[in-house]
Amino acid sequence: MELFVCAQDIQSITFGLVRDQEVLFEKTYDASPERYLFSLEQFFSEQKMSPADVSRILIVTGPGSFTASRVSVTMVNTFAFVHSVPVVSFENAERLSLAELLAQKKAQGESVFAVPTYDRPPNIT
């Protein structure tokens, strides 16, 4: 099962389940970056699955909120490292849905980790 993660908006995060390029389930949580990890745990609980069920992670790296992008990418990279699963990154400037992203095959390729995508130079204060 593939886990989809998208946090382009600072006030929400979306998780989805994908199998064979087909979206099985998708849910958006109203959550700030401080609650992303809790939301992921809640998603797993609601889907009656564990992190061991994830074979690959699909992540939208941005552009979007700097903090949302950094936190979601860090969370995914940590999950991928701990569970030894590959990561597939997507840039999503058009803010396409998960199904549209998969249909357009806009993936940047499978890798060990993802890097956030910004629409302007990062400014961390």
Protein backbone atom coordinates (compact mmCIF):
# COMPACT_ATOMS: atom_id res chain seq x y z
CA MET A 1 0.00 0.00 0.00
CA GLU A 2 1.27 3.48 -0.82
CA LEU A 3 0.75 6.38 1.55
CA PHE A 4 0.08 9.80 0.04
CA VAL A 5 0.92 12.99 1.98
CA CYS A 6 0.20 16.59 0.95
CA ALA A 7 0.53 19.72 3.10
CA GLN A 8 0.62 22.78 0.85
CA ASP A 9 -1.66 24.77 3.15
CA ILE A 10 -0.49 25.71 6.64
CA GLN A 11 -3.89 24.77 8.12
CA SER A 12 -4.42 21.26 6.74
CA ILE A 13 -2.79 18.03 5.68
CA THR A 14 -4.12 15.35 3.34
CA PHE A 15 -3.37 11.64 3.53
CA GLY A 16 -4.37 9.02 1.02
CA LEU A 17 -3.99 5.37 0.22
CA VAL A 18 -2.96 4.27 -3.27
CA ARG A 19 -2.63 0.85 -4.83
CA ASP A 20 -1.62 0.23 -8.45
CA GLN A 21 -2.01 3.96 -9.32
CA GLU A 22 -5.60 3.91 -8.01
CA VAL A 23 -6.71 6.14 -5.15
CA LEU A 24 -8.40 3.94 -2.55
CA PHE A 25 -9.05 6.56 0.10
CA GLU A 26 -8.20 10.20 0.77
CA LYS A 27 -8.85 12.43 3.78
CA THR A 28 -7.91 15.99 4.71
CA TYR A 29 -7.41 16.95 8.35
CA ASP A 30 -7.68 20.49 9.69
CA ALA A 31 -4.30 20.61 11.38
CA SER A 32 -1.39 22.97 11.81
CA PRO A 33 2.12 21.56 11.27
CA GLU A 34 2.40 20.86 15.00
CA ARG A 35 -0.46 18.36 14.60
CA TYR A 36 0.67 16.62 11.38
CA LEU A 37 2.17 13.62 13.15
CA PHE A 38 -0.91 13.23 15.34
CA SER A 39 -3.08 13.43 12.20
CA LEU A 40 -1.03 10.68 10.56
CA GLU A 41 -1.49 8.48 13.62
CA GLN A 42 -5.22 9.20 13.52
CA PHE A 43 -5.34 8.34 9.79
CA PHE A 44 -3.65 4.98 10.42
CA SER A 45 -6.06 4.26 13.27
CA GLU A 46 -9.12 5.15 11.18
CA GLN A 47 -7.89 2.96 8.31
CA LYS A 48 -7.05 0.12 10.71
CA MET A 49 -3.52 -0.08 9.42
CA SER A 50 -0.02 0.23 10.81
CA PRO A 51 3.12 1.88 9.46
CA ALA A 52 4.33 -1.61 8.46
CA ASP A 53 1.54 -1.71 5.83
CA VAL A 54 3.19 1.14 3.87
CA SER A 55 5.37 0.01 0.96
CA ARG A 56 6.09 3.46 -0.49
CA ILE A 57 5.29 7.10 0.27
CA LEU A 58 4.05 9.64 -2.27
CA ILE A 59 4.59 13.23 -1.14
CA VAL A 60 3.75 16.62 -2.52
CA THR A 61 6.86 18.65 -1.74
CA GLY A 62 5.28 22.02 -2.59
CA PRO A 63 5.16 24.75 -3.47
CA GLY A 64 3.02 26.01 -0.67
CA SER A 65 3.48 27.18 2.85
CA PHE A 66 7.17 27.00 3.76
CA THR A 67 6.48 25.56 7.19
CA ALA A 68 3.91 23.06 5.90
CA SER A 69 6.33 21.89 3.21
CA ARG A 70 9.29 21.58 5.57
CA VAL A 71 7.38 19.76 8.30
CA SER A 72 5.55 17.33 6.00
CA VAL A 73 8.75 16.50 4.08
CA THR A 74 10.68 15.99 7.32
CA MET A 75 7.93 13.74 8.68
CA VAL A 76 7.89 11.66 5.47
CA ASN A 77 11.69 11.41 5.28
CA THR A 78 11.84 10.22 8.89
CA PHE A 79 9.06 7.67 8.33
CA ALA A 80 10.77 6.42 5.16
CA PHE A 81 14.13 6.09 6.91
CA VAL A 82 12.73 4.29 9.96
CA HIS A 83 10.58 1.89 7.92
CA SER A 84 12.98 1.46 4.96
CA VAL A 85 10.48 2.52 2.31
CA PRO A 86 11.14 4.62 -0.80
CA VAL A 87 9.74 8.10 -1.34
CA VAL A 88 8.21 9.48 -4.55
CA SER A 89 8.09 13.29 -4.75
CA PHE A 90 5.64 15.47 -6.64
CA GLU A 91 5.76 19.21 -7.22
CA ASN A 92 2.21 20.51 -7.39
CA ALA A 93 2.14 24.19 -8.35
CA GLU A 94 -1.27 23.70 -9.96
CA ARG A 95 -2.61 22.12 -6.74
CA LEU A 96 -4.00 19.12 -8.57
CA SER A 97 -5.87 16.38 -6.75
CA LEU A 98 -4.14 13.11 -5.93
CA ALA A 99 -5.94 11.34 -8.78
CA GLU A 100 -4.89 14.07 -11.24
CA LEU A 101 -1.26 13.89 -10.06
CA LEU A 102 -1.20 10.13 -10.55
CA ALA A 103 -2.87 10.36 -13.96
CA GLN A 104 -0.35 12.93 -15.17
CA LYS A 105 2.56 10.88 -13.85
CA LYS A 106 4.27 14.02 -12.61
CA ALA A 107 6.43 12.16 -10.12
CA GLN A 108 10.02 13.30 -9.80
CA GLY A 109 11.13 9.71 -9.37
CA GLU A 110 11.64 7.32 -6.49
CA SER A 111 14.36 8.18 -4.01
CA VAL A 112 15.54 7.69 -0.46
CA PHE A 113 14.31 11.12 0.68
CA ALA A 114 12.33 14.16 -0.50
CA VAL A 115 13.33 17.82 -0.64
CA PRO A 116 10.81 20.65 -0.11
CA THR A 117 9.90 22.76 -3.15
CA TYR A 118 9.48 26.51 -2.67
CA ASP A 119 7.99 29.12 -4.98
CA ARG A 120 10.53 31.71 -3.80
CA PRO A 121 13.80 31.62 -1.84
CA PRO A 122 13.29 30.15 1.64
CA ASN A 123 13.31 32.62 4.51
CA ILE A 124 13.55 31.03 7.92
CA THR A 125 13.22 33.53 10.73
